[in-house]
Amino acid sequence: TPLFYYCLNGNIKVVKYLVEHGADINKENKEGKTPLFYACISGNEAVVKYLVEHGANINKENNKNKTPLFYACRIGNESMV
């Protein structure tokens, strides 16, 4: 979905627009990932913070039993953790 794409690319303005216009923050793709996973993978703190503040499930596990926190740690972004 567009929200997944813009979370991965770190475009906070478009992410805000999509969420404000009804995009589902906790929608899962076929891998069980939500937009928060992609924001953590990209390392964009502003997008991560926005999603969490607007109800993103931080404890959601994907199909490989990994959480968004796993991906934040994996890229070494201590401030997101």
Protein backbone atom coordinates (compact mmCIF):
# COMPACT_ATOMS: atom_id res chain seq x y z
CA THR A 1 0.00 0.00 0.00
CA PRO A 2 1.13 3.60 -0.26
CA LEU A 3 1.55 3.80 3.52
CA PHE A 4 4.05 0.91 3.48
CA TYR A 5 5.98 2.60 0.66
CA TYR A 6 6.20 6.01 2.31
CA CYS A 7 7.11 4.53 5.70
CA LEU A 8 10.01 2.73 4.05
CA ASN A 9 11.08 5.89 2.24
CA GLY A 10 10.69 8.05 5.33
CA ASN A 11 8.35 10.66 3.90
CA ILE A 12 6.66 11.90 7.09
CA LYS A 13 4.45 14.43 5.28
CA VAL A 14 2.87 11.79 3.08
CA VAL A 15 2.63 9.33 6.00
CA LYS A 16 0.71 11.92 8.03
CA TYR A 17 -1.56 12.68 5.08
CA LEU A 18 -2.37 9.01 4.49
CA VAL A 19 -3.08 8.32 8.17
CA GLU A 20 -5.22 11.45 8.51
CA HIS A 21 -7.23 10.25 5.51
CA GLY A 22 -7.93 6.78 6.82
CA ALA A 23 -4.91 4.58 6.06
CA ASP A 24 -4.79 1.61 8.44
CA ILE A 25 -1.66 1.92 10.61
CA ASN A 26 -1.86 -1.73 11.64
CA LYS A 27 -2.60 -3.27 8.23
CA GLU A 28 -0.52 -6.39 7.59
CA ASN A 29 1.06 -7.49 4.34
CA LYS A 30 1.55 -11.12 3.29
CA GLU A 31 4.71 -11.31 5.46
CA GLY A 32 2.77 -10.16 8.52
CA LYS A 33 4.54 -6.80 8.58
CA THR A 34 2.83 -3.50 9.30
CA PRO A 35 3.91 0.01 8.28
CA LEU A 36 5.82 0.30 11.57
CA PHE A 37 8.14 -2.52 10.46
CA TYR A 38 9.06 -0.53 7.36
CA ALA A 39 9.58 2.68 9.31
CA CYS A 40 11.95 0.81 11.66
CA ILE A 41 13.77 -0.79 8.73
CA SER A 42 14.28 2.64 7.16
CA GLY A 43 15.52 4.10 10.45
CA ASN A 44 13.28 7.14 10.20
CA GLU A 45 12.64 8.18 13.79
CA ALA A 46 10.01 10.78 12.92
CA VAL A 47 7.88 8.24 11.07
CA VAL A 48 8.31 5.64 13.83
CA LYS A 49 7.33 8.16 16.51
CA TYR A 50 4.30 9.33 14.54
CA LEU A 51 3.04 5.79 13.93
CA VAL A 52 3.47 4.79 17.59
CA GLU A 53 1.73 7.96 18.79
CA HIS A 54 -1.18 7.16 16.48
CA GLY A 55 -1.74 3.60 17.61
CA ALA A 56 0.74 1.39 15.78
CA ASN A 57 1.08 -1.97 17.53
CA ILE A 58 4.69 -2.12 18.74
CA ASN A 59 4.34 -5.74 19.85
CA LYS A 60 3.10 -7.12 16.52
CA GLU A 61 5.10 -10.12 15.30
CA ASN A 62 5.55 -10.86 11.62
CA ASN A 63 5.46 -14.34 10.06
CA LYS A 64 9.03 -14.93 11.28
CA ASN A 65 8.16 -13.99 14.88
CA LYS A 66 10.10 -10.71 14.68
CA THR A 67 8.80 -7.41 16.03
CA PRO A 68 9.50 -3.86 14.83
CA LEU A 69 11.95 -3.57 17.74
CA PHE A 70 14.03 -6.38 16.23
CA TYR A 71 14.46 -4.36 13.03
CA ALA A 72 15.26 -1.15 14.92
CA CYS A 73 17.99 -3.01 16.84
CA ARG A 74 19.23 -4.71 13.70
CA ILE A 75 20.08 -1.40 12.05
CA GLY A 76 21.69 -0.18 15.27
CA ASN A 77 19.44 2.80 15.86
CA GLU A 78 19.62 3.15 19.64
CA SER A 79 17.42 6.23 19.80
CA MET A 80 14.50 4.32 18.23
CA VAL A 81 14.88 1.55 20.78
